[in-house]
Amino acid sequence: PGPARNELALEMYYNWLNQGRKLVATAGSDIHGPFGPSQRPGYNVVYANALRADDILDGIREGRLYLSSGPEIRVGLGDGSQDSVIGASLPLVETRLSVSWDHCPDDAVVRVVGRPKQAGERSASRPIGEGPRGTAAVQIHPQPGFDWAAVEIRDSSGGLHGLTNPTFFG
């Protein structure tokens, strides 16, 4: 087994989003056998209208899911009008999001990630909270034409524990 290339794949995914592509990220594994004590298998949490295959596949197709190795993540509109905006396309206006997290490592750092201000730069990222659970209000000032925002949960050494699919603007 070679080294995981998850960070390279994530950087490529963010670059594609920055180019205006609306892509859905999913978690998966190629482990053939039991997980070891230090392994954190990734899985998908899908927002579906019903617990039926067609509805779950619709949720995946529309990007209404997040990737996790344990944390729970919720991203809604700050005014409470929508419980989940993961995968949603919203108008290109300033928007307040409500982000909550739970079941995270004690040293978790929660960040919002989005399109960089300058073409060719890495995706913009800023911390919005920390710890095993919490809630944060996040103001999004979308850039002209098209923008996106996703939430990452990492431990203090940078290990990724959770990632939402983007909320799109424009």
Protein backbone atom coordinates (compact mmCIF):
# COMPACT_ATOMS: atom_id res chain seq x y z
CA PRO A 1 0.00 0.00 0.00
CA GLY A 2 1.27 3.42 -0.97
CA PRO A 3 0.67 6.74 0.76
CA ALA A 4 -2.82 8.21 0.63
CA ARG A 5 -3.18 10.98 -1.89
CA ASN A 6 -6.25 12.53 -0.30
CA GLU A 7 -4.70 15.99 0.09
CA LEU A 8 -3.61 16.09 -3.56
CA ALA A 9 -7.09 14.98 -4.63
CA LEU A 10 -8.69 17.63 -2.40
CA GLU A 11 -6.47 20.36 -3.85
CA MET A 12 -7.40 19.23 -7.36
CA TYR A 13 -11.10 19.22 -6.41
CA TYR A 14 -10.85 22.79 -5.05
CA ASN A 15 -9.06 23.88 -8.24
CA TRP A 16 -11.91 22.48 -10.33
CA LEU A 17 -14.45 24.31 -8.16
CA ASN A 18 -12.43 27.51 -8.61
CA GLN A 19 -12.75 27.03 -12.38
CA GLY A 20 -16.53 27.09 -12.04
CA ARG A 21 -17.20 23.36 -12.15
CA LYS A 22 -19.98 22.09 -9.90
CA LEU A 23 -18.70 18.71 -8.77
CA VAL A 24 -19.83 16.41 -5.97
CA ALA A 25 -17.23 15.00 -3.57
CA THR A 26 -17.80 11.59 -1.98
CA ALA A 27 -15.88 9.49 0.53
CA GLY A 28 -14.64 5.99 -0.15
CA SER A 29 -12.04 3.45 0.78
CA ASP A 30 -10.09 0.68 -0.89
CA ILE A 31 -9.28 -1.22 2.30
CA HIS A 32 -9.80 -4.96 1.93
CA GLY A 33 -10.07 -6.23 5.48
CA PRO A 34 -10.66 -5.00 9.00
CA PHE A 35 -9.74 -1.43 9.90
CA GLY A 36 -6.82 -1.00 12.26
CA PRO A 37 -7.10 1.01 15.49
CA SER A 38 -5.48 4.10 13.94
CA GLN A 39 -7.54 4.05 10.72
CA ARG A 40 -10.53 6.34 10.33
CA PRO A 41 -12.80 5.05 7.58
CA GLY A 42 -14.57 7.79 5.66
CA TYR A 43 -18.25 7.66 4.87
CA ASN A 44 -20.94 9.85 3.30
CA VAL A 45 -23.86 11.46 5.14
CA VAL A 46 -26.57 12.13 2.54
CA TYR A 47 -29.52 14.49 2.94
CA ALA A 48 -32.35 12.65 1.18
CA ASN A 49 -36.10 13.22 1.05
CA ALA A 50 -36.75 9.61 2.08
CA LEU A 51 -34.83 6.47 2.98
CA ARG A 52 -35.21 5.03 -0.52
CA ALA A 53 -32.50 4.31 -3.08
CA ASP A 54 -33.83 6.84 -5.64
CA ASP A 55 -34.00 9.61 -3.04
CA ILE A 56 -30.51 8.84 -1.71
CA LEU A 57 -29.08 8.84 -5.24
CA ASP A 58 -30.83 12.18 -5.92
CA GLY A 59 -29.19 13.60 -2.77
CA ILE A 60 -25.77 12.41 -3.93
CA ARG A 61 -26.28 13.71 -7.48
CA GLU A 62 -27.26 17.13 -6.09
CA GLY A 63 -24.28 17.26 -3.70
CA ARG A 64 -26.46 17.23 -0.58
CA LEU A 65 -23.92 15.28 1.46
CA TYR A 66 -20.81 15.61 3.54
CA LEU A 67 -17.80 13.35 4.04
CA SER A 68 -16.94 12.27 7.56
CA SER A 69 -14.86 9.95 9.69
CA GLY A 70 -17.03 10.68 12.73
CA PRO A 71 -17.96 14.37 12.97
CA GLU A 72 -21.48 15.60 12.33
CA ILE A 73 -21.72 18.84 10.33
CA ARG A 74 -24.71 21.07 9.63
CA VAL A 75 -24.75 24.13 7.36
CA GLY A 76 -27.96 26.12 7.13
CA LEU A 77 -29.05 29.67 6.46
CA GLY A 78 -28.43 31.97 9.40
CA ASP A 79 -32.05 33.18 9.36
CA GLY A 80 -33.29 29.60 9.90
CA SER A 81 -35.21 29.47 6.62
CA GLN A 82 -33.23 26.42 5.38
CA ASP A 83 -31.84 23.70 7.64
CA SER A 84 -29.30 22.54 5.07
CA VAL A 85 -27.71 24.41 2.20
CA ILE A 86 -25.00 21.83 1.52
CA GLY A 87 -24.99 21.40 -2.26
CA ALA A 88 -27.51 24.22 -2.76
CA SER A 89 -27.23 27.02 -5.32
CA LEU A 90 -27.97 30.37 -3.70
CA PRO A 91 -28.22 33.88 -5.17
CA LEU A 92 -25.06 35.93 -5.51
CA VAL A 93 -25.75 38.08 -2.44
CA GLU A 94 -24.15 38.43 0.97
CA THR A 95 -25.37 35.48 3.02
CA ARG A 96 -25.14 34.46 6.66
CA LEU A 97 -24.65 30.74 7.21
CA SER A 98 -25.08 28.87 10.47
CA VAL A 99 -22.47 26.11 10.86
CA SER A 100 -22.59 23.56 13.66
CA TRP A 101 -20.36 20.57 14.40
CA ASP A 102 -20.33 17.73 16.92
CA HIS A 103 -18.45 14.49 17.68
CA CYS A 104 -15.14 16.02 16.55
CA PRO A 105 -11.67 15.47 18.02
CA ASP A 106 -10.92 17.64 21.06
CA ASP A 107 -8.32 19.53 19.02
CA ALA A 108 -10.60 20.06 16.00
CA VAL A 109 -10.26 23.22 13.92
CA VAL A 110 -13.31 24.12 11.82
CA ARG A 111 -12.67 26.18 8.69
CA VAL A 112 -14.72 27.63 5.88
CA VAL A 113 -13.06 27.20 2.48
CA GLY A 114 -13.92 29.05 -0.73
CA ARG A 115 -12.72 30.48 -4.01
CA PRO A 116 -9.51 32.54 -3.76
CA LYS A 117 -9.58 36.27 -4.49
CA GLN A 118 -6.91 35.93 -7.22
CA ALA A 119 -6.93 33.35 -10.01
CA GLY A 120 -4.21 30.75 -9.62
CA GLU A 121 -4.04 31.03 -5.83
CA ARG A 122 -4.96 28.22 -3.46
CA SER A 123 -8.49 28.20 -2.14
CA ALA A 124 -9.20 30.75 0.58
CA SER A 125 -9.62 29.32 4.07
CA ARG A 126 -10.42 30.85 7.43
CA PRO A 127 -11.05 29.34 10.87
CA ILE A 128 -14.57 29.69 12.27
CA GLY A 129 -14.33 27.54 15.40
CA GLU A 130 -12.60 24.80 17.30
CA GLY A 131 -13.21 21.94 19.68
CA PRO A 132 -15.37 18.83 19.72
CA ARG A 133 -18.66 20.72 19.21
CA GLY A 134 -19.86 24.21 18.51
CA THR A 135 -21.81 26.62 16.34
CA ALA A 136 -20.66 29.62 14.32
CA ALA A 137 -22.34 32.29 12.23
CA VAL A 138 -20.40 32.81 9.00
CA GLN A 139 -20.82 35.79 6.67
CA ILE A 140 -20.23 34.95 3.03
CA HIS A 141 -19.46 37.84 0.67
CA PRO A 142 -19.64 36.04 -2.70
CA GLN A 143 -17.36 37.10 -5.49
CA PRO A 144 -18.90 38.34 -8.74
CA GLY A 145 -20.12 35.74 -11.22
CA PHE A 146 -19.67 32.56 -9.20
CA ASP A 147 -18.46 31.50 -5.78
CA TRP A 148 -18.63 28.58 -3.37
CA ALA A 149 -18.09 27.78 0.30
CA ALA A 150 -17.45 24.45 2.05
CA VAL A 151 -16.62 23.48 5.64
CA GLU A 152 -13.58 21.42 6.67
CA ILE A 153 -12.92 19.84 10.06
CA ARG A 154 -9.29 19.00 10.76
CA ASP A 155 -7.30 18.01 13.84
CA SER A 156 -4.37 20.11 15.07
CA SER A 157 -1.93 18.09 12.94
CA GLY A 158 -3.98 18.79 9.79
CA GLY A 159 -5.73 15.42 9.47
CA LEU A 160 -9.08 15.79 7.69
CA HIS A 161 -12.09 14.48 9.66
CA GLY A 162 -15.00 16.08 7.80
CA LEU A 163 -15.78 18.01 4.61
CA THR A 164 -19.04 19.37 3.27
CA ASN A 165 -19.86 19.61 -0.37
CA PRO A 166 -19.97 23.27 -1.37
CA THR A 167 -22.81 25.70 -1.17
CA PHE A 168 -22.71 27.57 -4.48
CA PHE A 169 -23.41 31.26 -5.06
CA GLY A 170 -24.34 32.81 -8.40
